Amino acid sequence: DTPVDVKPLSQRKRTKPSDLTGSWKVYEVSATPIFSEERQEIEGGALFVYLCMETVKKRSLPESSVFFGEEEMLDMQDVTMLWLPGGVTAYVDVDKDGILCIGVGWYSDEGINMVMERDYGTDGKLRDVRWKTEVKRRWNQPVLP
């Protein structure tokens, strides 16, 4: 039997920015709605196009210009981040095109970070939904530049 942590969420430790540094293997599934007036009249909803990706992401501390990785470094420099108890993080960002990104993550001591993000356009419509499972790199092979 494994002991269970039954402390209230408010008394659990908070994730620190340094917990999220390093090299991560990221498994991402995204769903993008395809809006069609004809489809909404018939079934009342949108179709979704799904994309699955596997990448390696490198993060350094916030003082560095590559905090969230090369592909996101221009996009999330002014992100507002909440470091909540129990390994929970929440963030809000608006990119240069006015796309609102709302994200929630949960970091475990085992080195797994699970993230859900939703993007909304300037018209208020859902643009994209992403689910990411990030695994902290703990293997000994060198990272290619």
N, C-alpha and C. Protein backbone atom coordinates (compact mmCIF):
# COMPACT_ATOMS: atom_id res chain seq x y z
N ASP A 1 0.83 -1.19 0.00
CA ASP A 1 0.00 0.00 0.00
C ASP A 1 0.87 1.25 0.00
N THR A 2 0.53 2.17 -0.89
CA THR A 2 1.25 3.43 -1.00
C THR A 2 0.54 4.49 -0.17
N PRO A 3 1.28 5.26 0.65
CA PRO A 3 0.62 6.31 1.43
C PRO A 3 0.04 7.39 0.50
N VAL A 4 -1.12 7.88 0.87
CA VAL A 4 -1.82 8.89 0.08
C VAL A 4 -1.69 10.23 0.79
N ASP A 5 -1.38 11.28 0.02
CA ASP A 5 -1.27 12.63 0.57
C ASP A 5 -2.68 13.20 0.71
N VAL A 6 -3.16 13.30 1.94
CA VAL A 6 -4.52 13.76 2.17
C VAL A 6 -4.58 15.20 2.71
N LYS A 7 -3.49 15.94 2.58
CA LYS A 7 -3.50 17.33 3.01
C LYS A 7 -4.45 18.13 2.12
N PRO A 8 -5.08 19.16 2.68
CA PRO A 8 -5.90 20.03 1.83
C PRO A 8 -5.04 20.63 0.71
N LEU A 9 -5.64 20.86 -0.43
CA LEU A 9 -4.93 21.40 -1.58
C LEU A 9 -4.18 22.68 -1.22
N SER A 10 -4.79 23.53 -0.41
CA SER A 10 -4.18 24.82 -0.06
C SER A 10 -2.89 24.66 0.74
N GLN A 11 -2.65 23.48 1.34
CA GLN A 11 -1.45 23.27 2.14
C GLN A 11 -0.38 22.48 1.39
N ARG A 12 -0.63 22.14 0.15
CA ARG A 12 0.36 21.41 -0.63
C ARG A 12 1.34 22.38 -1.26
N LYS A 13 2.49 21.85 -1.66
CA LYS A 13 3.54 22.73 -2.19
C LYS A 13 3.16 23.29 -3.57
N ARG A 14 3.72 24.46 -3.86
CA ARG A 14 3.50 25.12 -5.14
C ARG A 14 4.63 24.76 -6.09
N THR A 15 4.30 24.69 -7.36
CA THR A 15 5.32 24.50 -8.39
C THR A 15 6.13 25.78 -8.48
N LYS A 16 7.44 25.65 -8.61
CA LYS A 16 8.32 26.81 -8.78
C LYS A 16 8.73 26.87 -10.25
N PRO A 17 9.06 28.05 -10.77
CA PRO A 17 9.53 28.14 -12.16
C PRO A 17 10.69 27.19 -12.44
N SER A 18 11.57 26.99 -11.45
CA SER A 18 12.72 26.10 -11.67
C SER A 18 12.29 24.64 -11.86
N ASP A 19 11.10 24.26 -11.35
CA ASP A 19 10.59 22.90 -11.56
C ASP A 19 10.31 22.63 -13.04
N LEU A 20 10.01 23.68 -13.77
CA LEU A 20 9.63 23.52 -15.18
C LEU A 20 10.79 23.75 -16.15
N THR A 21 12.00 23.99 -15.62
CA THR A 21 13.16 24.18 -16.49
C THR A 21 13.70 22.83 -16.95
N GLY A 22 14.50 22.88 -18.00
CA GLY A 22 15.13 21.66 -18.50
C GLY A 22 14.51 21.21 -19.81
N SER A 23 14.81 19.99 -20.17
CA SER A 23 14.35 19.42 -21.42
C SER A 23 13.14 18.53 -21.15
N TRP A 24 12.09 18.70 -21.95
CA TRP A 24 10.84 17.97 -21.78
C TRP A 24 10.45 17.29 -23.08
N LYS A 25 9.95 16.08 -22.97
CA LYS A 25 9.34 15.39 -24.10
C LYS A 25 7.85 15.74 -24.03
N VAL A 26 7.31 16.33 -25.10
CA VAL A 26 5.94 16.82 -25.09
C VAL A 26 5.09 16.04 -26.08
N TYR A 27 4.00 15.48 -25.58
CA TYR A 27 3.01 14.79 -26.41
C TYR A 27 1.77 15.67 -26.43
N GLU A 28 1.41 16.15 -27.61
CA GLU A 28 0.32 17.14 -27.72
C GLU A 28 -0.75 16.66 -28.68
N VAL A 29 -2.00 16.84 -28.27
CA VAL A 29 -3.15 16.60 -29.15
C VAL A 29 -3.91 17.92 -29.22
N SER A 30 -4.17 18.39 -30.43
CA SER A 30 -4.94 19.62 -30.57
C SER A 30 -6.18 19.34 -31.42
N ALA A 31 -7.22 20.10 -31.13
CA ALA A 31 -8.47 20.00 -31.87
C ALA A 31 -8.86 21.40 -32.32
N THR A 32 -9.03 21.57 -33.62
CA THR A 32 -9.39 22.87 -34.19
C THR A 32 -10.79 22.77 -34.79
N PRO A 33 -11.72 23.61 -34.30
CA PRO A 33 -13.08 23.53 -34.86
C PRO A 33 -13.14 24.12 -36.27
N ILE A 34 -13.93 23.49 -37.11
CA ILE A 34 -14.20 23.99 -38.46
C ILE A 34 -15.66 24.44 -38.45
N PHE A 35 -15.85 25.75 -38.44
CA PHE A 35 -17.21 26.29 -38.35
C PHE A 35 -17.85 26.33 -39.73
N SER A 36 -19.09 25.88 -39.78
CA SER A 36 -19.86 25.89 -41.02
C SER A 36 -21.32 26.17 -40.65
N GLU A 37 -21.91 27.18 -41.27
CA GLU A 37 -23.31 27.51 -40.96
C GLU A 37 -24.23 26.34 -41.27
N GLU A 38 -23.96 25.64 -42.38
CA GLU A 38 -24.77 24.50 -42.77
C GLU A 38 -24.71 23.40 -41.72
N ARG A 39 -23.53 23.11 -41.22
CA ARG A 39 -23.33 22.05 -40.22
C ARG A 39 -24.00 22.42 -38.91
N GLN A 40 -23.93 23.70 -38.50
CA GLN A 40 -24.53 24.13 -37.25
C GLN A 40 -26.04 24.03 -37.29
N GLU A 41 -26.65 24.33 -38.44
CA GLU A 41 -28.10 24.22 -38.58
C GLU A 41 -28.56 22.78 -38.46
N ILE A 42 -27.78 21.85 -39.02
CA ILE A 42 -28.17 20.44 -39.02
C ILE A 42 -27.93 19.79 -37.65
N GLU A 43 -26.72 19.93 -37.10
CA GLU A 43 -26.36 19.22 -35.88
C GLU A 43 -26.09 20.12 -34.68
N GLY A 44 -26.07 21.42 -34.88
CA GLY A 44 -25.87 22.34 -33.77
C GLY A 44 -24.45 22.47 -33.27
N GLY A 45 -23.44 22.07 -34.04
CA GLY A 45 -22.06 22.18 -33.59
C GLY A 45 -21.08 22.21 -34.73
N ALA A 46 -19.81 22.28 -34.38
CA ALA A 46 -18.74 22.35 -35.37
C ALA A 46 -18.04 21.00 -35.50
N LEU A 47 -17.41 20.79 -36.64
CA LEU A 47 -16.52 19.65 -36.84
C LEU A 47 -15.16 20.02 -36.27
N PHE A 48 -14.35 19.04 -35.92
CA PHE A 48 -13.01 19.30 -35.41
C PHE A 48 -11.98 18.56 -36.26
N VAL A 49 -10.84 19.22 -36.45
CA VAL A 49 -9.69 18.60 -37.09
C VAL A 49 -8.67 18.36 -35.98
N TYR A 50 -8.16 17.13 -35.89
CA TYR A 50 -7.25 16.76 -34.81
C TYR A 50 -5.81 16.64 -35.33
N LEU A 51 -4.87 17.03 -34.48
CA LEU A 51 -3.46 16.94 -34.80
C LEU A 51 -2.72 16.39 -33.58
N CYS A 52 -1.85 15.43 -33.79
CA CYS A 52 -1.03 14.88 -32.70
C CYS A 52 0.44 15.16 -33.03
N MET A 53 1.18 15.61 -32.01
CA MET A 53 2.61 15.89 -32.21
C MET A 53 3.40 15.38 -31.02
N GLU A 54 4.67 15.06 -31.29
CA GLU A 54 5.62 14.71 -30.25
C GLU A 54 6.85 15.57 -30.49
N THR A 55 7.24 16.36 -29.49
CA THR A 55 8.38 17.27 -29.64
C THR A 55 9.23 17.24 -28.37
N VAL A 56 10.40 17.84 -28.47
CA VAL A 56 11.24 18.09 -27.30
C VAL A 56 11.26 19.59 -27.09
N LYS A 57 10.96 20.02 -25.88
CA LYS A 57 10.90 21.45 -25.55
C LYS A 57 11.93 21.73 -24.47
N LYS A 58 12.68 22.83 -24.62
CA LYS A 58 13.67 23.24 -23.62
C LYS A 58 13.18 24.51 -22.96
N ARG A 59 13.26 24.56 -21.64
CA ARG A 59 12.88 25.76 -20.89
C ARG A 59 14.02 26.16 -19.97
N SER A 60 14.23 27.47 -19.86
CA SER A 60 15.16 27.98 -18.86
C SER A 60 14.37 28.92 -17.96
N LEU A 61 15.03 29.56 -17.02
CA LEU A 61 14.34 30.42 -16.07
C LEU A 61 13.75 31.65 -16.77
N PRO A 62 12.73 32.29 -16.17
CA PRO A 62 12.04 33.41 -16.81
C PRO A 62 12.93 34.57 -17.25
N GLU A 63 14.09 34.74 -16.61
CA GLU A 63 14.98 35.84 -17.01
C GLU A 63 15.53 35.60 -18.41
N SER A 64 15.51 34.37 -18.85
CA SER A 64 16.05 34.01 -20.17
C SER A 64 15.00 34.26 -21.24
N SER A 65 15.45 34.60 -22.44
CA SER A 65 14.51 34.88 -23.54
C SER A 65 13.88 33.61 -24.09
N VAL A 66 14.37 32.44 -23.69
CA VAL A 66 13.80 31.18 -24.21
C VAL A 66 13.06 30.43 -23.10
N PHE A 67 12.38 31.14 -22.23
CA PHE A 67 11.70 30.56 -21.09
C PHE A 67 10.77 29.41 -21.47
N PHE A 68 9.89 29.61 -22.42
CA PHE A 68 8.92 28.58 -22.77
C PHE A 68 9.30 27.80 -24.01
N GLY A 69 10.52 27.92 -24.47
CA GLY A 69 10.96 27.15 -25.63
C GLY A 69 11.00 28.01 -26.87
N GLU A 70 11.79 27.57 -27.83
CA GLU A 70 12.04 28.36 -29.03
C GLU A 70 10.76 28.71 -29.79
N GLU A 71 9.86 27.74 -29.94
CA GLU A 71 8.68 27.98 -30.77
C GLU A 71 7.69 28.94 -30.13
N GLU A 72 7.80 29.18 -28.82
CA GLU A 72 6.84 30.04 -28.15
C GLU A 72 7.46 31.30 -27.57
N MET A 73 8.76 31.51 -27.79
CA MET A 73 9.43 32.56 -27.05
C MET A 73 8.91 33.96 -27.37
N LEU A 74 8.51 34.23 -28.60
CA LEU A 74 7.97 35.55 -28.93
C LEU A 74 6.54 35.68 -28.47
N ASP A 75 5.84 34.57 -28.42
CA ASP A 75 4.41 34.56 -28.18
C ASP A 75 4.04 34.75 -26.72
N MET A 76 4.86 34.24 -25.78
CA MET A 76 4.43 34.21 -24.39
C MET A 76 5.34 35.00 -23.47
N GLN A 77 5.95 36.08 -23.95
CA GLN A 77 6.85 36.85 -23.10
C GLN A 77 6.10 37.64 -22.04
N ASP A 78 4.84 38.01 -22.29
CA ASP A 78 4.10 38.80 -21.32
C ASP A 78 2.98 37.98 -20.68
N VAL A 79 3.15 36.68 -20.62
CA VAL A 79 2.14 35.80 -20.05
C VAL A 79 1.96 36.09 -18.56
N THR A 80 0.71 35.99 -18.09
CA THR A 80 0.41 36.13 -16.68
C THR A 80 0.25 34.73 -16.12
N MET A 81 1.05 34.39 -15.12
CA MET A 81 1.09 33.03 -14.60
C MET A 81 0.73 33.01 -13.13
N LEU A 82 -0.14 32.08 -12.73
CA LEU A 82 -0.48 31.86 -11.33
C LEU A 82 0.16 30.54 -10.90
N TRP A 83 0.90 30.57 -9.80
CA TRP A 83 1.55 29.37 -9.26
C TRP A 83 0.74 28.95 -8.04
N LEU A 84 -0.19 28.04 -8.22
CA LEU A 84 -1.15 27.66 -7.19
C LEU A 84 -0.67 26.44 -6.40
N PRO A 85 -1.24 26.22 -5.22
CA PRO A 85 -0.85 25.03 -4.42
C PRO A 85 -1.19 23.73 -5.14
N GLY A 86 -0.51 22.67 -4.75
CA GLY A 86 -0.79 21.35 -5.30
C GLY A 86 -0.23 21.11 -6.68
N GLY A 87 0.74 21.95 -7.11
CA GLY A 87 1.35 21.76 -8.42
C GLY A 87 0.52 22.30 -9.56
N VAL A 88 -0.50 23.10 -9.27
CA VAL A 88 -1.38 23.64 -10.31
C VAL A 88 -0.85 24.99 -10.77
N THR A 89 -0.82 25.18 -12.08
CA THR A 89 -0.47 26.48 -12.66
C THR A 89 -1.61 26.90 -13.58
N ALA A 90 -1.82 28.19 -13.70
CA ALA A 90 -2.82 28.72 -14.61
C ALA A 90 -2.22 29.95 -15.26
N TYR A 91 -2.51 30.15 -16.54
CA TYR A 91 -1.95 31.31 -17.22
C TYR A 91 -2.89 31.84 -18.29
N VAL A 92 -2.68 33.12 -18.59
CA VAL A 92 -3.46 33.82 -19.61
C VAL A 92 -2.47 34.60 -20.46
N ASP A 93 -2.67 34.58 -21.77
CA ASP A 93 -1.81 35.32 -22.68
C ASP A 93 -2.64 35.80 -23.86
N VAL A 94 -2.29 36.95 -24.38
CA VAL A 94 -2.88 37.46 -25.62
C VAL A 94 -1.72 37.69 -26.57
N ASP A 95 -1.75 37.03 -27.74
CA ASP A 95 -0.64 37.19 -28.68
C ASP A 95 -0.83 38.45 -29.53
N LYS A 96 0.12 38.70 -30.41
CA LYS A 96 0.12 39.94 -31.20
C LYS A 96 -1.08 40.04 -32.14
N ASP A 97 -1.71 38.90 -32.46
CA ASP A 97 -2.89 38.90 -33.33
C ASP A 97 -4.19 38.99 -32.53
N GLY A 98 -4.09 39.12 -31.21
CA GLY A 98 -5.28 39.24 -30.38
C GLY A 98 -5.88 37.92 -29.96
N ILE A 99 -5.18 36.81 -30.19
CA ILE A 99 -5.67 35.49 -29.80
C ILE A 99 -5.46 35.30 -28.30
N LEU A 100 -6.53 35.01 -27.57
CA LEU A 100 -6.49 34.80 -26.13
C LEU A 100 -6.21 33.33 -25.85
N CYS A 101 -5.16 33.05 -25.09
CA CYS A 101 -4.83 31.68 -24.69
C CYS A 101 -5.02 31.56 -23.18
N ILE A 102 -5.84 30.60 -22.78
CA ILE A 102 -6.05 30.30 -21.37
C ILE A 102 -5.54 28.89 -21.14
N GLY A 103 -4.66 28.72 -20.16
CA GLY A 103 -4.08 27.40 -19.91
C GLY A 103 -4.08 27.04 -18.44
N VAL A 104 -4.19 25.75 -18.18
CA VAL A 104 -4.13 25.22 -16.82
C VAL A 104 -3.21 24.01 -16.87
N GLY A 105 -2.31 23.91 -15.90
CA GLY A 105 -1.40 22.77 -15.85
C GLY A 105 -1.36 22.16 -14.47
N TRP A 106 -0.93 20.91 -14.41
CA TRP A 106 -0.73 20.23 -13.15
C TRP A 106 0.60 19.51 -13.22
N TYR A 107 1.51 19.86 -12.30
CA TYR A 107 2.84 19.28 -12.26
C TYR A 107 2.93 18.30 -11.11
N SER A 108 3.45 17.10 -11.38
CA SER A 108 3.63 16.12 -10.32
C SER A 108 5.12 15.98 -10.01
N ASP A 109 5.43 15.54 -8.80
CA ASP A 109 6.82 15.35 -8.38
C ASP A 109 7.53 14.30 -9.21
N GLU A 110 6.80 13.49 -9.94
CA GLU A 110 7.41 12.47 -10.79
C GLU A 110 7.95 13.05 -12.09
N GLY A 111 7.81 14.36 -12.29
CA GLY A 111 8.33 15.00 -13.49
C GLY A 111 7.36 14.98 -14.67
N ILE A 112 6.07 14.96 -14.38
CA ILE A 112 5.06 14.98 -15.44
C ILE A 112 4.25 16.25 -15.28
N ASN A 113 4.07 16.97 -16.37
CA ASN A 113 3.29 18.20 -16.39
C ASN A 113 2.16 18.01 -17.40
N MET A 114 0.92 18.06 -16.93
CA MET A 114 -0.23 17.90 -17.81
C MET A 114 -0.87 19.27 -18.00
N VAL A 115 -1.11 19.65 -19.27
CA VAL A 115 -1.56 21.00 -19.59
C VAL A 115 -2.76 20.94 -20.53
N MET A 116 -3.72 21.84 -20.29
CA MET A 116 -4.84 22.02 -21.20
C MET A 116 -4.88 23.50 -21.56
N GLU A 117 -4.94 23.80 -22.85
CA GLU A 117 -4.99 25.19 -23.32
C GLU A 117 -6.17 25.36 -24.27
N ARG A 118 -6.75 26.55 -24.23
CA ARG A 118 -7.82 26.91 -25.16
C ARG A 118 -7.48 28.27 -25.75
N ASP A 119 -7.60 28.40 -27.06
CA ASP A 119 -7.37 29.67 -27.75
C ASP A 119 -8.71 30.21 -28.26
N TYR A 120 -8.91 31.52 -28.08
CA TYR A 120 -10.12 32.18 -28.57
C TYR A 120 -9.72 33.33 -29.48
N GLY A 121 -10.44 33.50 -30.58
CA GLY A 121 -10.18 34.57 -31.52
C GLY A 121 -10.76 35.89 -31.05
N THR A 122 -10.48 36.94 -31.79
CA THR A 122 -10.99 38.27 -31.42
C THR A 122 -12.51 38.33 -31.53
N ASP A 123 -13.10 37.38 -32.25
CA ASP A 123 -14.56 37.31 -32.36
C ASP A 123 -15.19 36.54 -31.19
N GLY A 124 -14.35 36.02 -30.28
CA GLY A 124 -14.83 35.29 -29.12
C GLY A 124 -15.05 33.81 -29.37
N LYS A 125 -14.83 33.36 -30.61
CA LYS A 125 -15.04 31.95 -30.93
C LYS A 125 -13.81 31.12 -30.57
N LEU A 126 -14.07 29.89 -30.18
CA LEU A 126 -13.00 28.95 -29.89
C LEU A 126 -12.19 28.70 -31.15
N ARG A 127 -10.86 28.83 -31.06
CA ARG A 127 -9.99 28.60 -32.22
C ARG A 127 -9.24 27.29 -32.14
N ASP A 128 -8.87 26.88 -30.92
CA ASP A 128 -8.05 25.68 -30.79
C ASP A 128 -8.11 25.19 -29.35
N VAL A 129 -8.04 23.88 -29.16
CA VAL A 129 -7.94 23.26 -27.84
C VAL A 129 -6.74 22.33 -27.89
N ARG A 130 -5.88 22.42 -26.87
CA ARG A 130 -4.69 21.56 -26.83
C ARG A 130 -4.60 20.84 -25.48
N TRP A 131 -4.22 19.58 -25.54
CA TRP A 131 -3.94 18.78 -24.35
C TRP A 131 -2.51 18.31 -24.49
N LYS A 132 -1.68 18.61 -23.49
CA LYS A 132 -0.27 18.23 -23.55
C LYS A 132 0.10 17.41 -22.32
N THR A 133 0.86 16.37 -22.56
CA THR A 133 1.51 15.64 -21.49
C THR A 133 3.00 15.85 -21.69
N GLU A 134 3.63 16.51 -20.72
CA GLU A 134 5.06 16.82 -20.80
C GLU A 134 5.80 15.96 -19.78
N VAL A 135 6.82 15.25 -20.25
CA VAL A 135 7.60 14.37 -19.38
C VAL A 135 9.01 14.94 -19.30
N LYS A 136 9.46 15.21 -18.08
CA LYS A 136 10.80 15.79 -17.89
C LYS A 136 11.86 14.80 -18.34
N ARG A 137 12.81 15.31 -19.10
CA ARG A 137 13.87 14.46 -19.66
C ARG A 137 14.77 13.98 -18.54
N ARG A 138 14.78 12.67 -18.33
CA ARG A 138 15.62 12.08 -17.28
C ARG A 138 16.49 10.97 -17.83
N TRP A 139 16.58 10.88 -19.14
CA TRP A 139 17.42 9.85 -19.73
C TRP A 139 18.78 10.45 -20.08
N ASN A 140 19.77 9.62 -20.32
CA ASN A 140 21.15 10.07 -20.42
C ASN A 140 21.62 10.41 -21.82
N GLN A 141 20.80 10.24 -22.84
CA GLN A 141 21.25 10.58 -24.19
C GLN A 141 21.36 12.09 -24.33
N PRO A 142 22.36 12.57 -25.05
CA PRO A 142 22.50 14.02 -25.22
C PRO A 142 21.38 14.58 -26.09
N VAL A 143 21.02 15.84 -25.83
CA VAL A 143 20.01 16.52 -26.61
C VAL A 143 20.67 17.12 -27.83
N LEU A 144 20.10 16.89 -29.01
CA LEU A 144 20.65 17.49 -30.23
C LEU A 144 20.31 18.97 -30.27
N PRO A 145 21.23 19.81 -30.77
CA PRO A 145 20.97 21.26 -30.79
C PRO A 145 19.87 21.65 -31.75
